């Protein structure tokens, strides 16, 4: 019986991930072929954020524990990859006082990415030994503290991270097709994790931790697995970000990005991978329209006033309205393949 449930869950995961992947690939190809340069950058940024939101969903969505440290792990992945891959001649200028010989070598992009993911996962494991033993507000506060600590390190350890200045000279080896491949892989991993015994046990512990423990669920272990897995997604997002722009700084990996990606997950529905994708697409493209209104454009012959800060207000409204009107998000507990089943039924 359990074997049948596993096979059914596997088929559902593969079907749902395939449908979502087709949608994302179609969007990417249309923009790649017909879009302007700024539209390509916009879609690339949306897919980077999708990797972050998927990483959030793996832990936060399944464990129902609010995580506000995710941008810090994205930053760790970006900086480690950047330090490893940047040519020696450029690091001699940008990091002249780097310790441990960090400015004396340069690795290829693949090796640099593997090292960045491994170091991010190791840091996440060490942090996870503490945070996964907590629940509720305690875990949220610790995750927020992690964000602040990592950001402070980025700002003040200038010999390695350049502080408020930009870290430049990173080889630009990624394009929209590259991140499409990474995003599709991440989608399948996130869906398979959700339907795996870890994902099922994690959601069970989120609904009733005492009952789950009574049934033999090792809550600490399944939370730790999800936490580290999510960190790998975040490291991948940071690497994709650095490999596309060619320059990074500490500023993007802080509160603004935290609230943006959390809003994406909340709007779509944190319990499902489909919700993560839907929320990311709606907010990514919706914010572009709002930013257009911020500039005070002329619409139908009417000159609108400048409304600076409108995008921030919109994000706040989205979070408040969703939590008040539909706490489970647009998708609730429904994945995309289940919608097709309901229609056929």
Protein backbone atom coordinates (compact mmCIF):
# COMPACT_ATOMS: atom_id res chain seq x y z
CA UNK A 1 0.00 0.00 0.00
CA UNK A 2 2.78 2.44 0.90
CA UNK A 3 4.52 1.44 -2.35
CA UNK A 4 1.41 2.39 -4.32
CA UNK A 5 1.20 5.76 -2.55
CA UNK A 6 4.87 6.41 -3.32
CA UNK A 7 4.42 5.56 -7.02
CA UNK A 8 1.34 7.78 -7.21
CA UNK A 9 3.15 10.66 -5.54
CA UNK A 10 6.15 10.22 -7.86
CA UNK A 11 3.95 10.30 -10.94
CA UNK A 12 2.15 13.41 -9.67
CA UNK A 13 5.45 15.13 -8.91
CA UNK A 14 6.86 14.40 -12.36
CA UNK A 15 3.63 15.44 -14.10
CA UNK A 16 3.35 18.70 -12.16
CA UNK A 17 7.02 19.60 -12.61
CA UNK A 18 6.77 18.86 -16.34
CA UNK A 19 3.76 21.16 -16.80
CA UNK A 20 5.40 24.00 -14.87
CA UNK A 21 8.68 23.51 -16.73
CA UNK A 22 6.90 23.78 -20.09
CA UNK A 23 5.34 27.08 -19.01
CA UNK A 24 8.67 28.50 -17.83
CA UNK A 25 10.55 27.32 -20.93
CA UNK A 26 7.92 28.86 -23.22
CA UNK A 27 8.15 32.20 -21.42
CA UNK A 28 11.94 32.09 -21.59
CA UNK A 29 12.10 31.16 -25.27
CA UNK A 30 9.58 33.82 -26.32
CA UNK A 31 11.52 36.51 -24.47
CA UNK A 32 14.86 35.18 -25.75
CA UNK A 33 13.68 35.27 -29.36
CA UNK A 34 11.49 38.35 -29.45
CA UNK A 35 12.18 40.34 -26.28
CA UNK A 36 14.32 43.41 -25.85
CA UNK A 37 17.41 43.41 -23.70
CA UNK A 38 15.70 44.82 -20.60
CA UNK A 39 12.95 42.20 -20.93
CA UNK A 40 15.56 39.43 -21.00
CA UNK A 41 17.10 40.88 -17.83
CA UNK A 42 13.66 41.11 -16.21
CA UNK A 43 12.83 37.46 -16.94
CA UNK A 44 16.29 36.35 -15.83
CA UNK A 45 15.82 38.18 -12.54
CA UNK A 46 12.39 36.55 -12.17
CA UNK A 47 13.92 33.09 -12.60
CA UNK A 48 16.65 33.88 -10.08
CA UNK A 49 13.94 34.87 -7.62
CA UNK A 50 12.06 31.68 -8.50
CA UNK A 51 15.08 29.63 -7.42
CA UNK A 52 15.03 31.53 -4.12
CA UNK A 53 11.29 31.02 -3.66
CA UNK A 54 11.61 27.31 -4.45
CA UNK A 55 14.33 27.07 -1.81
CA UNK A 56 12.00 28.83 0.61
CA UNK A 57 9.17 26.46 -0.27
CA UNK A 58 11.27 23.36 0.39
CA UNK A 59 11.77 24.36 4.03
CA UNK A 60 9.33 27.11 4.94
CA UNK A 61 6.44 25.73 2.89
CA UNK A 62 6.73 22.16 4.13
CA UNK A 63 7.80 22.86 7.73
CA UNK A 64 5.56 25.92 8.19
CA UNK A 65 8.44 27.76 9.87
CA UNK A 66 9.09 31.31 8.69
CA UNK A 67 12.62 31.74 7.38
CA UNK A 68 13.97 35.27 6.88
CA UNK A 69 17.62 34.36 6.34
CA UNK A 70 17.39 33.05 2.78
CA UNK A 71 18.93 36.11 1.11
CA UNK A 72 22.02 35.63 3.28
CA UNK A 73 22.61 32.13 1.90
CA UNK A 74 22.04 33.43 -1.62
CA UNK A 75 24.73 36.02 -0.93
CA UNK A 76 27.14 33.41 0.41
CA UNK A 77 26.76 31.34 -2.75
CA UNK A 78 27.24 34.41 -4.96
CA UNK A 79 30.35 35.67 -3.15
CA UNK A 80 32.08 32.29 -2.88
CA UNK A 81 31.54 31.59 -6.58
CA UNK A 82 32.69 35.11 -7.46
CA UNK A 83 35.88 34.85 -5.41
CA UNK A 84 36.74 31.48 -6.93
CA UNK A 85 36.01 32.28 -10.58
CA UNK A 86 37.23 35.89 -10.95
CA UNK A 87 40.55 36.14 -12.85
CA UNK A 88 43.69 36.70 -10.77
CA UNK A 89 44.57 39.98 -12.49
CA UNK A 90 41.21 41.47 -11.57
CA UNK A 91 41.34 40.16 -7.99
CA UNK A 92 44.75 41.75 -7.61
CA UNK A 93 42.99 45.08 -8.13
CA UNK A 94 39.69 44.45 -6.37
CA UNK A 95 40.99 42.27 -3.49
CA UNK A 96 44.64 43.32 -2.99
CA UNK A 97 44.62 42.43 0.72
CA UNK A 98 42.59 39.23 0.55
CA UNK A 99 43.65 36.66 3.18
CA UNK A 100 44.45 32.96 2.67
CA UNK A 101 45.67 33.54 -0.86
CA UNK A 102 42.16 34.11 -2.21
CA UNK A 103 43.52 36.52 -4.83
CA UNK A 104 46.18 34.13 -6.12
CA UNK A 105 44.03 31.61 -8.00
CA UNK A 106 41.08 31.40 -10.37
CA UNK A 107 38.96 28.33 -11.03
CA UNK A 108 36.61 27.45 -13.86
CA UNK A 109 32.89 28.36 -13.46
CA UNK A 110 31.69 24.79 -12.83
CA UNK A 111 34.26 24.06 -10.12
CA UNK A 112 33.60 27.45 -8.55
CA UNK A 113 29.86 26.75 -8.49
CA UNK A 114 30.38 23.34 -6.88
CA UNK A 115 32.60 24.86 -4.19
CA UNK A 116 30.07 27.65 -3.57
CA UNK A 117 27.22 25.18 -3.18
CA UNK A 118 29.29 22.93 -0.89
CA UNK A 119 30.37 25.80 1.39
CA UNK A 120 26.84 27.22 1.52
CA UNK A 121 25.43 23.78 2.36
CA UNK A 122 28.04 23.30 5.10
CA UNK A 123 27.24 26.67 6.68
CA UNK A 124 23.54 25.86 6.42
CA UNK A 125 24.14 22.51 8.12
CA UNK A 126 25.91 24.16 11.04
CA UNK A 127 23.19 26.81 11.40
CA UNK A 128 20.51 24.21 10.88
CA UNK A 129 21.68 22.22 13.89
CA UNK A 130 20.33 25.12 15.95
CA UNK A 131 17.42 26.56 13.99
CA UNK A 132 15.72 23.26 13.16
CA UNK A 133 15.34 22.53 16.88
CA UNK A 134 13.20 25.66 17.21
CA UNK A 135 9.64 26.40 16.17
CA UNK A 136 7.42 29.42 15.73
CA UNK A 137 8.67 32.87 16.63
CA UNK A 138 11.93 31.53 18.05
CA UNK A 139 13.02 30.08 14.70
CA UNK A 140 11.94 33.24 12.89
CA UNK A 141 13.98 35.50 15.19
CA UNK A 142 17.07 33.30 14.83
CA UNK A 143 16.73 33.32 11.03
CA UNK A 144 16.48 37.11 11.11
CA UNK A 145 19.62 37.27 13.26
CA UNK A 146 21.46 35.12 10.72
CA UNK A 147 20.50 37.56 7.97
CA UNK A 148 21.81 40.53 9.95
CA UNK A 149 25.03 38.75 10.93
CA UNK A 150 25.88 37.64 7.39
CA UNK A 151 25.05 41.07 5.97
CA UNK A 152 27.32 42.70 8.56
CA UNK A 153 30.14 40.35 7.54
CA UNK A 154 29.64 41.29 3.89
CA UNK A 155 29.81 44.99 4.80
CA UNK A 156 32.71 45.04 7.25
CA UNK A 157 35.09 42.33 6.01
CA UNK A 158 36.15 44.46 3.08
CA UNK A 159 39.33 42.51 2.37
CA UNK A 160 37.13 39.67 1.11
CA UNK A 161 33.69 41.07 0.33
CA UNK A 162 34.44 44.69 -0.68
CA UNK A 163 31.91 46.11 1.78
CA UNK A 164 29.56 48.63 0.16
CA UNK A 165 31.60 48.62 -3.02
CA UNK A 166 30.82 46.32 -5.90
CA UNK A 167 32.77 43.12 -6.44
CA UNK A 168 33.50 43.30 -10.19
CA UNK A 169 35.17 41.28 -12.89
CA UNK A 170 33.11 38.09 -12.50
CA UNK A 171 33.01 36.21 -15.84
CA UNK A 172 29.53 36.50 -17.37
CA UNK A 173 29.03 32.88 -18.36
CA UNK A 174 25.25 32.57 -17.89
CA UNK A 175 22.38 33.63 -20.12
CA UNK A 176 18.64 33.06 -20.11
CA UNK A 177 19.00 29.54 -21.51
CA UNK A 178 21.41 28.66 -18.71
CA UNK A 179 19.06 29.67 -15.94
CA UNK A 180 16.18 27.91 -17.69
CA UNK A 181 18.09 24.64 -17.32
CA UNK A 182 18.88 25.32 -13.66
CA UNK A 183 15.29 26.35 -12.92
CA UNK A 184 13.80 23.26 -14.55
CA UNK A 185 16.13 21.01 -12.52
CA UNK A 186 15.19 22.90 -9.35
CA UNK A 187 11.48 22.48 -10.12
CA UNK A 188 11.77 18.72 -10.40
CA UNK A 189 13.88 18.48 -7.23
CA UNK A 190 11.40 20.63 -5.27
CA UNK A 191 8.41 18.57 -6.43
CA UNK A 192 10.13 15.26 -5.79
CA UNK A 193 11.15 16.44 -2.33
CA UNK A 194 7.57 17.49 -1.57
CA UNK A 195 6.24 14.04 -2.45
CA UNK A 196 9.11 12.15 -0.82
CA UNK A 197 8.83 10.63 2.65
CA UNK A 198 10.82 13.60 3.98
CA UNK A 199 8.31 16.06 2.55
CA UNK A 200 5.30 14.10 3.75
CA UNK A 201 6.74 13.73 7.26
CA UNK A 202 7.71 17.39 7.34
CA UNK A 203 4.18 18.55 6.47
CA UNK A 204 2.77 16.11 9.00
CA UNK A 205 4.99 17.57 11.71
CA UNK A 206 3.94 21.08 10.66
CA UNK A 207 0.27 20.16 11.09
CA UNK A 208 0.72 18.24 14.35
CA UNK A 209 4.25 18.03 15.72
CA UNK A 210 3.30 15.98 18.79
CA UNK A 211 1.30 13.50 16.72
CA UNK A 212 4.09 13.19 14.15
CA UNK A 213 6.64 12.44 16.86
CA UNK A 214 4.29 9.87 18.33
CA UNK A 215 4.15 8.16 14.92
CA UNK A 216 7.94 7.91 14.82
CA UNK A 217 8.82 10.98 12.73
CA UNK A 218 12.28 12.36 13.51
CA UNK A 219 11.22 16.00 13.23
CA UNK A 220 14.71 17.38 13.75
CA UNK A 221 16.18 15.22 10.99
CA UNK A 222 13.53 15.95 8.34
CA UNK A 223 13.70 19.67 9.12
CA UNK A 224 17.49 19.60 8.80
CA UNK A 225 17.30 17.81 5.44
CA UNK A 226 14.83 20.41 4.15
CA UNK A 227 16.88 23.30 5.54
CA UNK A 228 20.10 22.20 3.83
CA UNK A 229 18.29 21.31 0.60
CA UNK A 230 16.72 24.77 0.53
CA UNK A 231 20.16 26.32 1.09
CA UNK A 232 21.46 24.54 -2.01
CA UNK A 233 18.67 26.19 -4.04
CA UNK A 234 19.64 29.56 -2.57
CA UNK A 235 23.32 29.06 -3.38
CA UNK A 236 22.37 28.18 -6.95
CA UNK A 237 20.32 31.39 -7.17
CA UNK A 238 23.29 33.44 -5.96
CA UNK A 239 25.61 31.78 -8.47
CA UNK A 240 23.20 32.42 -11.33
CA UNK A 241 22.91 36.04 -10.22
CA UNK A 242 26.68 36.57 -10.14
CA UNK A 243 27.37 34.70 -13.38
CA UNK A 244 24.87 36.84 -15.29
CA UNK A 245 25.55 40.35 -13.97
CA UNK A 246 29.32 40.04 -13.60
CA UNK A 247 29.24 42.18 -10.47
CA UNK A 248 27.70 41.84 -7.01
CA UNK A 249 27.42 43.83 -3.80
CA UNK A 250 26.00 43.25 -0.33
CA UNK A 251 22.94 45.48 -0.84
CA UNK A 252 20.75 43.06 -2.87
CA UNK A 253 21.07 40.30 -0.26
CA UNK A 254 19.17 42.01 2.52
CA UNK A 255 15.72 43.04 3.75
CA UNK A 256 14.26 44.29 0.47
CA UNK A 257 14.96 41.01 -1.26
CA UNK A 258 13.74 39.04 1.76
CA UNK A 259 10.32 40.70 1.72
CA UNK A 260 10.06 40.49 -2.06
CA UNK A 261 10.59 36.73 -2.18
CA UNK A 262 8.50 36.04 0.93
CA UNK A 263 5.64 37.97 -0.68
CA UNK A 264 5.97 35.79 -3.79
CA UNK A 265 5.68 32.62 -1.74
CA UNK A 266 2.79 33.91 0.38
CA UNK A 267 0.78 35.11 -2.62
CA UNK A 268 1.05 31.88 -4.58
CA UNK A 269 0.74 29.59 -1.57
CA UNK A 270 3.68 28.27 0.42
CA UNK A 271 2.38 24.71 0.70
CA UNK A 272 2.85 23.98 -3.02
CA UNK A 273 5.55 24.27 -5.64
CA UNK A 274 2.92 25.51 -8.08
CA UNK A 275 2.14 28.33 -5.67
CA UNK A 276 5.82 29.28 -5.54
CA UNK A 277 5.95 29.50 -9.34
CA UNK A 278 2.65 31.37 -9.66
CA UNK A 279 3.49 33.91 -6.96
CA UNK A 280 6.92 34.58 -8.48
CA UNK A 281 5.49 35.16 -11.95
CA UNK A 282 2.64 37.40 -10.77
CA UNK A 283 4.79 39.63 -8.58
CA UNK A 284 7.80 39.75 -10.92
CA UNK A 285 5.75 40.92 -13.88
CA UNK A 286 3.26 42.88 -11.81
CA UNK A 287 5.99 44.94 -10.17
CA UNK A 288 7.27 45.97 -13.60
CA UNK A 289 3.90 47.56 -14.28
CA UNK A 290 3.92 49.24 -10.88
CA UNK A 291 7.44 50.59 -11.42
CA UNK A 292 6.22 52.03 -14.72
CA UNK A 293 3.47 53.88 -12.85
CA UNK A 294 6.01 55.15 -10.31
CA UNK A 295 7.69 57.26 -12.99
CA UNK A 296 4.55 59.33 -13.64
CA UNK A 297 3.77 58.21 -17.21
CA UNK A 298 1.20 59.66 -19.59
CA UNK A 299 -1.81 57.34 -19.98
CA UNK A 300 -4.66 58.18 -22.37
CA UNK A 301 -3.45 61.75 -22.53
CA UNK A 302 -3.41 62.11 -18.76
CA UNK A 303 -0.10 62.82 -17.00
CA UNK A 304 0.05 60.80 -13.82
CA UNK A 305 2.03 62.10 -10.84
CA UNK A 306 5.25 60.42 -9.74
CA UNK A 307 4.53 57.84 -7.07
CA UNK A 308 7.94 56.82 -5.78
CA UNK A 309 7.81 53.92 -3.34
CA UNK A 310 4.64 52.50 -4.86
CA UNK A 311 6.25 49.08 -5.41
CA UNK A 312 7.13 48.80 -1.71
CA UNK A 313 3.59 49.74 -0.73
CA UNK A 314 2.25 47.19 -3.19
CA UNK A 315 4.33 44.40 -1.65
CA UNK A 316 3.06 45.27 1.81
CA UNK A 317 -0.53 45.31 0.58
CA UNK A 318 -0.06 41.93 -1.12
CA UNK A 319 1.24 40.31 2.06
CA UNK A 320 -1.46 41.82 4.31
CA UNK A 321 -4.31 41.16 1.88
CA UNK A 322 -3.27 37.59 1.20
CA UNK A 323 -2.86 36.76 4.89
CA UNK A 324 -6.23 38.34 5.66
CA UNK A 325 -8.30 37.05 2.75
CA UNK A 326 -6.59 33.79 1.77
CA UNK A 327 -3.92 32.71 4.27
CA UNK A 328 -3.06 29.61 2.23
CA UNK A 329 -2.35 31.66 -0.90
CA UNK A 330 -3.89 31.39 -4.35
CA UNK A 331 -3.14 27.68 -4.82
CA UNK A 332 -3.74 26.59 -1.22
CA UNK A 333 -2.76 22.91 -1.05
CA UNK A 334 -3.41 22.23 -4.74
CA UNK A 335 -0.68 21.45 -7.23
CA UNK A 336 -1.16 22.14 -10.92
CA UNK A 337 -1.64 18.51 -11.98
CA UNK A 338 -4.49 18.22 -9.47
CA UNK A 339 -6.29 21.04 -11.28
CA UNK A 340 -6.16 19.06 -14.50
CA UNK A 341 -7.48 15.97 -12.70
CA UNK A 342 -10.41 17.95 -11.30
CA UNK A 343 -11.30 19.24 -14.76
CA UNK A 344 -11.18 15.76 -16.25
CA UNK A 345 -13.31 14.52 -13.36
